[in-house]
Amino acid sequence: MIIHILRDQPATREQVLDMLQANRFYIKTVVDIRFQILAGGGEMHFDCETALLKDGSQQEDLWGASWNPISQDIFYESMVNLRPRQNRSMRILDSDIRRSVQTIIYKRLGAV
């Protein structure tokens, strides 16, 4: 299982292919909206979340989504989004947070 943490540069084609290994048609991602970084790859969003937490991110800044590189669609549903005090659904309910997640995903993955 390969998880890439993308900080300052968009993913390379090779990185995208690595991240697609687990799920073939889409990439599980978790985005840190404070630091504008993305972890992608792995079988579950939890894998990406764990990588970012070990890297120094804070839980309240992390949001999970899946990205399809062919259609460029983003699906804003993940168990990591379910937080009783912050978000009462697996889907990201706050439109501002969804926009932030979208911007970071397209910035780090959409150019490939």
PDB file of N, CA and C in Angstrom:
ATOM      1  N   MET A   1       0.848  -1.170   0.000  1.00  0.00           N
ATOM      2  CA  MET A   1       0.000   0.000   0.000  1.00  0.00           C
ATOM      3  C   MET A   1       0.896   1.235   0.000  1.00  0.00           C
ATOM      4  N   ILE A   2       0.680   2.076  -0.982  1.00  0.00           N
ATOM      5  CA  ILE A   2       1.490   3.282  -1.124  1.00  0.00           C
ATOM      6  C   ILE A   2       0.622   4.503  -0.837  1.00  0.00           C
ATOM      7  N   ILE A   3       1.097   5.320   0.089  1.00  0.00           N
ATOM      8  CA  ILE A   3       0.426   6.588   0.395  1.00  0.00           C
ATOM      9  C   ILE A   3       1.431   7.700   0.164  1.00  0.00           C
ATOM     10  N   HIS A   4       1.027   8.651  -0.638  1.00  0.00           N
ATOM     11  CA  HIS A   4       1.876   9.818  -0.889  1.00  0.00           C
ATOM     12  C   HIS A   4       1.298  11.019  -0.153  1.00  0.00           C
ATOM     13  N   ILE A   5       2.176  11.788   0.470  1.00  0.00           N
ATOM     14  CA  ILE A   5       1.778  13.067   1.054  1.00  0.00           C
ATOM     15  C   ILE A   5       2.279  14.148   0.108  1.00  0.00           C
ATOM     16  N   LEU A   6       1.335  14.921  -0.416  1.00  0.00           N
ATOM     17  CA  LEU A   6       1.650  15.957  -1.398  1.00  0.00           C
ATOM     18  C   LEU A   6       1.542  17.317  -0.720  1.00  0.00           C
ATOM     19  N   ARG A   7       2.661  18.039  -0.693  1.00  0.00           N
ATOM     20  CA  ARG A   7       2.717  19.312   0.019  1.00  0.00           C
ATOM     21  C   ARG A   7       2.724  20.521  -0.913  1.00  0.00           C
ATOM     22  N   ASP A   8       3.753  20.650  -1.698  1.00  0.00           N
ATOM     23  CA  ASP A   8       3.966  21.874  -2.456  1.00  0.00           C
ATOM     24  C   ASP A   8       3.784  21.716  -3.957  1.00  0.00           C
ATOM     25  N   GLN A   9       3.851  20.506  -4.430  1.00  0.00           N
ATOM     26  CA  GLN A   9       3.804  20.253  -5.864  1.00  0.00           C
ATOM     27  C   GLN A   9       2.630  19.339  -6.210  1.00  0.00           C
ATOM     28  N   PRO A  10       2.122  19.464  -7.418  1.00  0.00           N
ATOM     29  CA  PRO A  10       1.119  18.496  -7.870  1.00  0.00           C
ATOM     30  C   PRO A  10       1.741  17.099  -7.978  1.00  0.00           C
ATOM     31  N   ALA A  11       0.909  16.093  -7.906  1.00  0.00           N
ATOM     32  CA  ALA A  11       1.383  14.715  -8.038  1.00  0.00           C
ATOM     33  C   ALA A  11       1.939  14.479  -9.432  1.00  0.00           C
ATOM     34  N   THR A  12       2.939  13.638  -9.498  1.00  0.00           N
ATOM     35  CA  THR A  12       3.446  13.207 -10.794  1.00  0.00           C
ATOM     36  C   THR A  12       2.545  12.086 -11.314  1.00  0.00           C
ATOM     37  N   ARG A  13       2.678  11.784 -12.568  1.00  0.00           N
ATOM     38  CA  ARG A  13       1.905  10.672 -13.157  1.00  0.00           C
ATOM     39  C   ARG A  13       2.199   9.372 -12.420  1.00  0.00           C
ATOM     40  N   GLU A  14       3.460   9.154 -12.061  1.00  0.00           N
ATOM     41  CA  GLU A  14       3.853   7.942 -11.343  1.00  0.00           C
ATOM     42  C   GLU A  14       3.200   7.876  -9.967  1.00  0.00           C
ATOM     43  N   GLN A  15       3.136   9.003  -9.274  1.00  0.00           N
ATOM     44  CA  GLN A  15       2.494   9.032  -7.964  1.00  0.00           C
ATOM     45  C   GLN A  15       0.998   8.710  -8.074  1.00  0.00           C
ATOM     46  N   VAL A  16       0.343   9.262  -9.086  1.00  0.00           N
ATOM     47  CA  VAL A  16      -1.076   8.970  -9.288  1.00  0.00           C
ATOM     48  C   VAL A  16      -1.268   7.480  -9.552  1.00  0.00           C
ATOM     49  N   LEU A  17      -0.425   6.898 -10.383  1.00  0.00           N
ATOM     50  CA  LEU A  17      -0.530   5.457 -10.656  1.00  0.00           C
ATOM     51  C   LEU A  17      -0.297   4.642  -9.386  1.00  0.00           C
ATOM     52  N   ASP A  18       0.655   5.057  -8.556  1.00  0.00           N
ATOM     53  CA  ASP A  18       0.873   4.397  -7.257  1.00  0.00           C
ATOM     54  C   ASP A  18      -0.391   4.446  -6.400  1.00  0.00           C
ATOM     55  N   MET A  19      -0.993   5.638  -6.316  1.00  0.00           N
ATOM     56  CA  MET A  19      -2.162   5.822  -5.461  1.00  0.00           C
ATOM     57  C   MET A  19      -3.384   5.067  -5.983  1.00  0.00           C
ATOM     58  N   LEU A  20      -3.429   4.815  -7.269  1.00  0.00           N
ATOM     59  CA  LEU A  20      -4.549   4.076  -7.862  1.00  0.00           C
ATOM     60  C   LEU A  20      -4.458   2.571  -7.636  1.00  0.00           C
ATOM     61  N   GLN A  21      -3.328   2.073  -7.196  1.00  0.00           N
ATOM     62  CA  GLN A  21      -3.147   0.626  -7.027  1.00  0.00           C
ATOM     63  C   GLN A  21      -4.177   0.003  -6.099  1.00  0.00           C
ATOM     64  N   ALA A  22      -4.547   0.681  -5.039  1.00  0.00           N
ATOM     65  CA  ALA A  22      -5.448   0.088  -4.045  1.00  0.00           C
ATOM     66  C   ALA A  22      -6.885  -0.022  -4.542  1.00  0.00           C
ATOM     67  N   ASN A  23      -7.371   0.967  -5.278  1.00  0.00           N
ATOM     68  CA  ASN A  23      -8.787   0.994  -5.659  1.00  0.00           C
ATOM     69  C   ASN A  23      -9.041   1.115  -7.160  1.00  0.00           C
ATOM     70  N   ARG A  24      -8.016   1.128  -7.972  1.00  0.00           N
ATOM     71  CA  ARG A  24      -8.039   1.120  -9.427  1.00  0.00           C
ATOM     72  C   ARG A  24      -8.670   2.317 -10.117  1.00  0.00           C
ATOM     73  N   PHE A  25      -9.900   2.710  -9.749  1.00  0.00           N
ATOM     74  CA  PHE A  25     -10.598   3.749 -10.497  1.00  0.00           C
ATOM     75  C   PHE A  25     -10.722   5.075  -9.750  1.00  0.00           C
ATOM     76  N   TYR A  26     -10.327   5.084  -8.499  1.00  0.00           N
ATOM     77  CA  TYR A  26     -10.374   6.314  -7.724  1.00  0.00           C
ATOM     78  C   TYR A  26      -9.304   6.264  -6.642  1.00  0.00           C
ATOM     79  N   ILE A  27      -8.996   7.437  -6.107  1.00  0.00           N
ATOM     80  CA  ILE A  27      -7.968   7.552  -5.079  1.00  0.00           C
ATOM     81  C   ILE A  27      -8.635   8.025  -3.795  1.00  0.00           C
ATOM     82  N   LYS A  28      -8.409   7.289  -2.722  1.00  0.00           N
ATOM     83  CA  LYS A  28      -8.849   7.732  -1.401  1.00  0.00           C
ATOM     84  C   LYS A  28      -7.891   8.840  -0.969  1.00  0.00           C
ATOM     85  N   THR A  29      -8.452   9.956  -0.519  1.00  0.00           N
ATOM     86  CA  THR A  29      -7.621  11.073  -0.079  1.00  0.00           C
ATOM     87  C   THR A  29      -8.093  11.581   1.278  1.00  0.00           C
ATOM     88  N   VAL A  30      -7.174  12.159   2.011  1.00  0.00           N
ATOM     89  CA  VAL A  30      -7.504  12.967   3.179  1.00  0.00           C
ATOM     90  C   VAL A  30      -6.709  14.253   3.031  1.00  0.00           C
ATOM     91  N   VAL A  31      -7.410  15.367   3.216  1.00  0.00           N
ATOM     92  CA  VAL A  31      -6.835  16.691   3.014  1.00  0.00           C
ATOM     93  C   VAL A  31      -6.727  17.402   4.364  1.00  0.00           C
ATOM     94  N   ASP A  32      -5.588  18.043   4.579  1.00  0.00           N
ATOM     95  CA  ASP A  32      -5.413  18.931   5.729  1.00  0.00           C
ATOM     96  C   ASP A  32      -5.691  20.337   5.226  1.00  0.00           C
ATOM     97  N   ILE A  33      -6.855  20.885   5.610  1.00  0.00           N
ATOM     98  CA  ILE A  33      -7.237  22.188   5.060  1.00  0.00           C
ATOM     99  C   ILE A  33      -6.433  23.345   5.661  1.00  0.00           C
ATOM    100  N   ARG A  34      -5.812  23.142   6.805  1.00  0.00           N
ATOM    101  CA  ARG A  34      -4.980  24.194   7.401  1.00  0.00           C
ATOM    102  C   ARG A  34      -3.645  24.304   6.674  1.00  0.00           C
ATOM    103  N   PHE A  35      -2.978  23.172   6.466  1.00  0.00           N
ATOM    104  CA  PHE A  35      -1.647  23.182   5.844  1.00  0.00           C
ATOM    105  C   PHE A  35      -1.683  22.990   4.334  1.00  0.00           C
ATOM    106  N   GLN A  36      -2.899  22.792   3.759  1.00  0.00           N
ATOM    107  CA  GLN A  36      -3.063  22.656   2.307  1.00  0.00           C
ATOM    108  C   GLN A  36      -2.291  21.462   1.746  1.00  0.00           C
ATOM    109  N   ILE A  37      -2.291  20.358   2.491  1.00  0.00           N
ATOM    110  CA  ILE A  37      -1.599  19.159   2.019  1.00  0.00           C
ATOM    111  C   ILE A  37      -2.603  18.028   1.845  1.00  0.00           C
ATOM    112  N   LEU A  38      -2.218  17.033   1.076  1.00  0.00           N
ATOM    113  CA  LEU A  38      -3.085  15.913   0.753  1.00  0.00           C
ATOM    114  C   LEU A  38      -2.313  14.621   0.911  1.00  0.00           C
ATOM    115  N   ALA A  39      -2.950  13.631   1.510  1.00  0.00           N
ATOM    116  CA  ALA A  39      -2.424  12.275   1.519  1.00  0.00           C
ATOM    117  C   ALA A  39      -3.346  11.455   0.641  1.00  0.00           C
ATOM    118  N   GLY A  40      -2.773  10.665  -0.246  1.00  0.00           N
ATOM    119  CA  GLY A  40      -3.583   9.867  -1.159  1.00  0.00           C
ATOM    120  C   GLY A  40      -3.027   8.471  -1.316  1.00  0.00           C
ATOM    121  N   GLY A  41      -3.946   7.529  -1.544  1.00  0.00           N
ATOM    122  CA  GLY A  41      -3.586   6.128  -1.732  1.00  0.00           C
ATOM    123  C   GLY A  41      -4.155   5.290  -0.605  1.00  0.00           C
ATOM    124  N   GLY A  42      -3.810   4.043  -0.580  1.00  0.00           N
ATOM    125  CA  GLY A  42      -4.303   3.152   0.462  1.00  0.00           C
ATOM    126  C   GLY A  42      -5.692   2.638   0.165  1.00  0.00           C
ATOM    127  N   GLU A  43      -6.096   1.662   0.932  1.00  0.00           N
ATOM    128  CA  GLU A  43      -7.405   1.049   0.731  1.00  0.00           C
ATOM    129  C   GLU A  43      -8.522   1.836   1.392  1.00  0.00           C
ATOM    130  N   MET A  44      -8.210   2.543   2.472  1.00  0.00           N
ATOM    131  CA  MET A  44      -9.232   3.265   3.216  1.00  0.00           C
ATOM    132  C   MET A  44      -8.761   4.687   3.506  1.00  0.00           C
ATOM    133  N   HIS A  45      -9.714   5.585   3.700  1.00  0.00           N
ATOM    134  CA  HIS A  45      -9.361   6.956   4.065  1.00  0.00           C
ATOM    135  C   HIS A  45      -8.554   6.981   5.362  1.00  0.00           C
ATOM    136  N   PHE A  46      -8.860   6.053   6.239  1.00  0.00           N
ATOM    137  CA  PHE A  46      -8.158   5.948   7.521  1.00  0.00           C
ATOM    138  C   PHE A  46      -6.645   5.842   7.324  1.00  0.00           C
ATOM    139  N   ASP A  47      -6.208   5.150   6.276  1.00  0.00           N
ATOM    140  CA  ASP A  47      -4.770   5.010   6.001  1.00  0.00           C
ATOM    141  C   ASP A  47      -4.132   6.378   5.754  1.00  0.00           C
ATOM    142  N   CYS A  48      -4.822   7.202   4.980  1.00  0.00           N
ATOM    143  CA  CYS A  48      -4.318   8.549   4.691  1.00  0.00           C
ATOM    144  C   CYS A  48      -4.377   9.435   5.932  1.00  0.00           C
ATOM    145  N   GLU A  49      -5.470   9.309   6.675  1.00  0.00           N
ATOM    146  CA  GLU A  49      -5.622  10.077   7.910  1.00  0.00           C
ATOM    147  C   GLU A  49      -4.482   9.768   8.878  1.00  0.00           C
ATOM    148  N   THR A  50      -4.168   8.491   9.032  1.00  0.00           N
ATOM    149  CA  THR A  50      -3.092   8.070   9.933  1.00  0.00           C
ATOM    150  C   THR A  50      -1.758   8.663   9.499  1.00  0.00           C
ATOM    151  N   ALA A  51      -1.489   8.652   8.190  1.00  0.00           N
ATOM    152  CA  ALA A  51      -0.233   9.215   7.680  1.00  0.00           C
ATOM    153  C   ALA A  51      -0.128  10.703   8.004  1.00  0.00           C
ATOM    154  N   LEU A  52      -1.223  11.442   7.847  1.00  0.00           N
ATOM    155  CA  LEU A  52      -1.182  12.880   8.132  1.00  0.00           C
ATOM    156  C   LEU A  52      -1.079  13.167   9.628  1.00  0.00           C
ATOM    157  N   LEU A  53      -1.755  12.371  10.453  1.00  0.00           N
ATOM    158  CA  LEU A  53      -1.641  12.563  11.901  1.00  0.00           C
ATOM    159  C   LEU A  53      -0.213  12.306  12.366  1.00  0.00           C
ATOM    160  N   LYS A  54       0.432  11.277  11.825  1.00  0.00           N
ATOM    161  CA  LYS A  54       1.841  10.997  12.162  1.00  0.00           C
ATOM    162  C   LYS A  54       2.756  12.118  11.674  1.00  0.00           C
ATOM    163  N   ASP A  55       2.316  12.812  10.624  1.00  0.00           N
ATOM    164  CA  ASP A  55       3.103  13.892  10.038  1.00  0.00           C
ATOM    165  C   ASP A  55       2.913  15.219  10.772  1.00  0.00           C
ATOM    166  N   GLY A  56       1.986  15.258  11.735  1.00  0.00           N
ATOM    167  CA  GLY A  56       1.814  16.463  12.524  1.00  0.00           C
ATOM    168  C   GLY A  56       0.503  17.206  12.324  1.00  0.00           C
ATOM    169  N   SER A  57      -0.373  16.708  11.467  1.00  0.00           N
ATOM    170  CA  SER A  57      -1.676  17.348  11.271  1.00  0.00           C
ATOM    171  C   SER A  57      -2.562  17.136  12.491  1.00  0.00           C
ATOM    172  N   GLN A  58      -3.565  17.990  12.629  1.00  0.00           N
ATOM    173  CA  GLN A  58      -4.536  17.886  13.713  1.00  0.00           C
ATOM    174  C   GLN A  58      -5.853  17.332  13.156  1.00  0.00           C
ATOM    175  N   GLN A  59      -6.515  16.484  13.941  1.00  0.00           N
ATOM    176  CA  GLN A  59      -7.737  15.815  13.509  1.00  0.00           C
ATOM    177  C   GLN A  59      -8.789  16.778  12.956  1.00  0.00           C
ATOM    178  N   GLU A  60      -9.009  17.903  13.618  1.00  0.00           N
ATOM    179  CA  GLU A  60     -10.077  18.813  13.196  1.00  0.00           C
ATOM    180  C   GLU A  60      -9.825  19.462  11.840  1.00  0.00           C
ATOM    181  N   ASP A  61      -8.598  19.354  11.328  1.00  0.00           N
ATOM    182  CA  ASP A  61      -8.252  19.927  10.027  1.00  0.00           C
ATOM    183  C   ASP A  61      -8.319  18.905   8.895  1.00  0.00           C
ATOM    184  N   LEU A  62      -8.592  17.645   9.212  1.00  0.00           N
ATOM    185  CA  LEU A  62      -8.533  16.568   8.220  1.00  0.00           C
ATOM    186  C   LEU A  62      -9.914  16.193   7.713  1.00  0.00           C
ATOM    187  N   TRP A  63     -10.018  16.069   6.383  1.00  0.00           N
ATOM    188  CA  TRP A  63     -11.282  15.741   5.734  1.00  0.00           C
ATOM    189  C   TRP A  63     -11.045  14.734   4.618  1.00  0.00           C
ATOM    190  N   GLY A  64     -11.891  13.714   4.579  1.00  0.00           N
ATOM    191  CA  GLY A  64     -11.733  12.641   3.606  1.00  0.00           C
ATOM    192  C   GLY A  64     -12.634  12.799   2.393  1.00  0.00           C
ATOM    193  N   ALA A  65     -12.090  12.413   1.247  1.00  0.00           N
ATOM    194  CA  ALA A  65     -12.839  12.417  -0.009  1.00  0.00           C
ATOM    195  C   ALA A  65     -12.169  11.424  -0.952  1.00  0.00           C
ATOM    196  N   SER A  66     -12.871  11.064  -1.997  1.00  0.00           N
ATOM    197  CA  SER A  66     -12.305  10.198  -3.033  1.00  0.00           C
ATOM    198  C   SER A  66     -12.326  10.962  -4.348  1.00  0.00           C
ATOM    199  N   TRP A  67     -11.313  10.717  -5.185  1.00  0.00           N
ATOM    200  CA  TRP A  67     -11.162  11.446  -6.443  1.00  0.00           C
ATOM    201  C   TRP A  67     -11.017  10.465  -7.595  1.00  0.00           C
ATOM    202  N   ASN A  68     -11.791  10.701  -8.644  1.00  0.00           N
ATOM    203  CA  ASN A  68     -11.712   9.892  -9.857  1.00  0.00           C
ATOM    204  C   ASN A  68     -10.888  10.663 -10.886  1.00  0.00           C
ATOM    205  N   PRO A  69      -9.720  10.140 -11.271  1.00  0.00           N
ATOM    206  CA  PRO A  69      -8.849  10.893 -12.181  1.00  0.00           C
ATOM    207  C   PRO A  69      -9.393  10.993 -13.605  1.00  0.00           C
ATOM    208  N   ILE A  70     -10.273  10.089 -14.008  1.00  0.00           N
ATOM    209  CA  ILE A  70     -10.804  10.138 -15.367  1.00  0.00           C
ATOM    210  C   ILE A  70     -11.889  11.209 -15.483  1.00  0.00           C
ATOM    211  N   SER A  71     -12.853  11.177 -14.583  1.00  0.00           N
ATOM    212  CA  SER A  71     -13.960  12.136 -14.638  1.00  0.00           C
ATOM    213  C   SER A  71     -13.652  13.426 -13.881  1.00  0.00           C
ATOM    214  N   GLN A  72     -12.622  13.401 -13.029  1.00  0.00           N
ATOM    215  CA  GLN A  72     -12.263  14.521 -12.154  1.00  0.00           C
ATOM    216  C   GLN A  72     -13.316  14.772 -11.074  1.00  0.00           C
ATOM    217  N   ASP A  73     -14.195  13.794 -10.841  1.00  0.00           N
ATOM    218  CA  ASP A  73     -15.230  13.916  -9.817  1.00  0.00           C
ATOM    219  C   ASP A  73     -14.640  13.693  -8.428  1.00  0.00           C
ATOM    220  N   ILE A  74     -15.205  14.400  -7.462  1.00  0.00           N
ATOM    221  CA  ILE A  74     -14.828  14.244  -6.059  1.00  0.00           C
ATOM    222  C   ILE A  74     -16.060  13.781  -5.291  1.00  0.00           C
ATOM    223  N   PHE A  75     -15.876  12.774  -4.462  1.00  0.00           N
ATOM    224  CA  PHE A  75     -16.931  12.250  -3.609  1.00  0.00           C
ATOM    225  C   PHE A  75     -16.542  12.569  -2.165  1.00  0.00           C
ATOM    226  N   TYR A  76     -17.347  13.357  -1.494  1.00  0.00           N
ATOM    227  CA  TYR A  76     -17.002  13.918  -0.192  1.00  0.00           C
ATOM    228  C   TYR A  76     -17.482  13.047   0.969  1.00  0.00           C
ATOM    229  N   GLU A  77     -17.458  11.750   0.817  1.00  0.00           N
ATOM    230  CA  GLU A  77     -17.934  10.862   1.868  1.00  0.00           C
ATOM    231  C   GLU A  77     -16.801   9.992   2.393  1.00  0.00           C
ATOM    232  N   SER A  78     -16.707   9.935   3.722  1.00  0.00           N
ATOM    233  CA  SER A  78     -15.691   9.129   4.380  1.00  0.00           C
ATOM    234  C   SER A  78     -16.031   9.009   5.855  1.00  0.00           C
ATOM    235  N   MET A  79     -15.674   7.893   6.427  1.00  0.00           N
ATOM    236  CA  MET A  79     -15.858   7.716   7.870  1.00  0.00           C
ATOM    237  C   MET A  79     -15.052   8.737   8.667  1.00  0.00           C
ATOM    238  N   VAL A  80     -13.930   9.208   8.144  1.00  0.00           N
ATOM    239  CA  VAL A  80     -13.120  10.175   8.896  1.00  0.00           C
ATOM    240  C   VAL A  80     -13.830  11.516   9.038  1.00  0.00           C
ATOM    241  N   ASN A  81     -14.863  11.748   8.239  1.00  0.00           N
ATOM    242  CA  ASN A  81     -15.616  13.004   8.319  1.00  0.00           C
ATOM    243  C   ASN A  81     -16.676  12.984   9.414  1.00  0.00           C
ATOM    244  N   LEU A  82     -16.963  11.825   9.937  1.00  0.00           N
ATOM    245  CA  LEU A  82     -18.015  11.680  10.939  1.00  0.00           C
ATOM    246  C   LEU A  82     -17.484  12.085  12.308  1.00  0.00           C
ATOM    247  N   ARG A  83     -17.923  13.273  12.767  1.00  0.00           N
ATOM    248  CA  ARG A  83     -17.482  13.835  14.044  1.00  0.00           C
ATOM    249  C   ARG A  83     -18.675  14.505  14.707  1.00  0.00           C
ATOM    250  N   PRO A  84     -19.147  13.995  15.811  1.00  0.00           N
ATOM    251  CA  PRO A  84     -20.359  14.537  16.441  1.00  0.00           C
ATOM    252  C   PRO A  84     -20.325  16.042  16.694  1.00  0.00           C
ATOM    253  N   ARG A  85     -19.201  16.598  17.057  1.00  0.00           N
ATOM    254  CA  ARG A  85     -19.133  18.032  17.360  1.00  0.00           C
ATOM    255  C   ARG A  85     -18.875  18.904  16.140  1.00  0.00           C
ATOM    256  N   GLN A  86     -18.383  18.302  15.082  1.00  0.00           N
ATOM    257  CA  GLN A  86     -17.950  19.104  13.941  1.00  0.00           C
ATOM    258  C   GLN A  86     -18.723  18.796  12.657  1.00  0.00           C
ATOM    259  N   ASN A  87     -19.120  17.545  12.444  1.00  0.00           N
ATOM    260  CA  ASN A  87     -19.769  17.130  11.208  1.00  0.00           C
ATOM    261  C   ASN A  87     -20.553  15.859  11.500  1.00  0.00           C
ATOM    262  N   ARG A  88     -21.852  15.909  11.452  1.00  0.00           N
ATOM    263  CA  ARG A  88     -22.693  14.782  11.865  1.00  0.00           C
ATOM    264  C   ARG A  88     -23.046  13.844  10.705  1.00  0.00           C
ATOM    265  N   SER A  89     -22.144  13.679   9.778  1.00  0.00           N
ATOM    266  CA  SER A  89     -22.390  12.841   8.613  1.00  0.00           C
ATOM    267  C   SER A  89     -21.061  12.339   8.070  1.00  0.00           C
ATOM    268  N   MET A  90     -21.124  11.272   7.289  1.00  0.00           N
ATOM    269  CA  MET A  90     -19.924  10.840   6.575  1.00  0.00           C
ATOM    270  C   MET A  90     -19.610  11.819   5.439  1.00  0.00           C
ATOM    271  N   ARG A  91     -20.618  12.507   4.952  1.00  0.00           N
ATOM    272  CA  ARG A  91     -20.447  13.507   3.903  1.00  0.00           C
ATOM    273  C   ARG A  91     -20.056  14.839   4.549  1.00  0.00           C
ATOM    274  N   ILE A  92     -19.155  15.559   3.920  1.00  0.00           N
ATOM    275  CA  ILE A  92     -18.773  16.883   4.418  1.00  0.00           C
ATOM    276  C   ILE A  92     -19.965  17.817   4.207  1.00  0.00           C
ATOM    277  N   LEU A  93     -20.538  18.291   5.292  1.00  0.00           N
ATOM    278  CA  LEU A  93     -21.753  19.100   5.228  1.00  0.00           C
ATOM    279  C   LEU A  93     -21.488  20.585   4.991  1.00  0.00           C
ATOM    280  N   ASP A  94     -20.389  21.087   5.493  1.00  0.00           N
ATOM    281  CA  ASP A  94     -20.070  22.512   5.389  1.00  0.00           C
ATOM    282  C   ASP A  94     -19.565  22.826   3.972  1.00  0.00           C
ATOM    283  N   SER A  95     -20.260  23.717   3.281  1.00  0.00           N
ATOM    284  CA  SER A  95     -19.888  24.026   1.895  1.00  0.00           C
ATOM    285  C   SER A  95     -18.517  24.692   1.790  1.00  0.00           C
ATOM    286  N   ASP A  96     -18.122  25.478   2.795  1.00  0.00           N
ATOM    287  CA  ASP A  96     -16.795  26.101   2.771  1.00  0.00           C
ATOM    288  C   ASP A  96     -15.697  25.043   2.888  1.00  0.00           C
ATOM    289  N   ILE A  97     -15.904  24.058   3.736  1.00  0.00           N
ATOM    290  CA  ILE A  97     -14.921  22.975   3.870  1.00  0.00           C
ATOM    291  C   ILE A  97     -14.874  22.155   2.584  1.00  0.00           C
ATOM    292  N   ARG A  98     -16.030  21.869   1.980  1.00  0.00           N
ATOM    293  CA  ARG A  98     -16.047  21.135   0.707  1.00  0.00           C
ATOM    294  C   ARG A  98     -15.262  21.893  -0.369  1.00  0.00           C
ATOM    295  N   ARG A  99     -15.446  23.212  -0.425  1.00  0.00           N
ATOM    296  CA  ARG A  99     -14.712  24.016  -1.405  1.00  0.00           C
ATOM    297  C   ARG A  99     -13.207  23.958  -1.140  1.00  0.00           C
ATOM    298  N   SER A 100     -12.810  24.018   0.125  1.00  0.00           N
ATOM    299  CA  SER A 100     -11.384  23.919   0.463  1.00  0.00           C
ATOM    300  C   SER A 100     -10.822  22.571   0.042  1.00  0.00           C
ATOM    301  N   VAL A 101     -11.554  21.505   0.342  1.00  0.00           N
ATOM    302  CA  VAL A 101     -11.118  20.154  -0.037  1.00  0.00           C
ATOM    303  C   VAL A 101     -11.007  20.062  -1.558  1.00  0.00           C
ATOM    304  N   GLN A 102     -12.009  20.556  -2.269  1.00  0.00           N
ATOM    305  CA  GLN A 102     -11.993  20.530  -3.728  1.00  0.00           C
ATOM    306  C   GLN A 102     -10.779  21.269  -4.286  1.00  0.00           C
ATOM    307  N   THR A 103     -10.516  22.453  -3.766  1.00  0.00           N
ATOM    308  CA  THR A 103      -9.389  23.259  -4.239  1.00  0.00           C
ATOM    309  C   THR A 103      -8.071  22.522  -4.050  1.00  0.00           C
ATOM    310  N   ILE A 104      -7.892  21.924  -2.895  1.00  0.00           N
ATOM    311  CA  ILE A 104      -6.635  21.217  -2.606  1.00  0.00           C
ATOM    312  C   ILE A 104      -6.513  19.969  -3.478  1.00  0.00           C
ATOM    313  N   ILE A 105      -7.587  19.217  -3.636  1.00  0.00           N
ATOM    314  CA  ILE A 105      -7.532  18.009  -4.479  1.00  0.00           C
ATOM    315  C   ILE A 105      -7.195  18.389  -5.915  1.00  0.00           C
ATOM    316  N   TYR A 106      -7.859  19.382  -6.470  1.00  0.00           N
ATOM    317  CA  TYR A 106      -7.561  19.774  -7.850  1.00  0.00           C
ATOM    318  C   TYR A 106      -6.146  20.348  -7.979  1.00  0.00           C
ATOM    319  N   LYS A 107      -5.697  21.045  -6.964  1.00  0.00           N
ATOM    320  CA  LYS A 107      -4.343  21.612  -6.986  1.00  0.00           C
ATOM    321  C   LYS A 107      -3.271  20.514  -6.940  1.00  0.00           C
ATOM    322  N   ARG A 108      -3.495  19.491  -6.139  1.00  0.00           N
ATOM    323  CA  ARG A 108      -2.497  18.433  -5.972  1.00  0.00           C
ATOM    324  C   ARG A 108      -2.659  17.256  -6.955  1.00  0.00           C
ATOM    325  N   LEU A 109      -3.891  17.005  -7.412  1.00  0.00           N
ATOM    326  CA  LEU A 109      -4.134  15.839  -8.265  1.00  0.00           C
ATOM    327  C   LEU A 109      -4.710  16.164  -9.636  1.00  0.00           C
ATOM    328  N   GLY A 110      -5.412  17.259  -9.761  1.00  0.00           N
ATOM    329  CA  GLY A 110      -6.165  17.544 -10.984  1.00  0.00           C
ATOM    330  C   GLY A 110      -5.357  17.859 -12.213  1.00  0.00           C
ATOM    331  N   ALA A 111      -4.109  18.197 -12.046  1.00  0.00           N
ATOM    332  CA  ALA A 111      -3.290  18.570 -13.200  1.00  0.00           C
ATOM    333  C   ALA A 111      -2.742  17.368 -13.961  1.00  0.00           C
ATOM    334  N   VAL A 112      -2.912  16.166 -13.407  1.00  0.00           N
ATOM    335  CA  VAL A 112      -2.311  14.977 -14.032  1.00  0.00           C
ATOM    336  C   VAL A 112      -3.205  14.448 -15.116  1.00  0.00           C
TER     337      VAL A 112
END
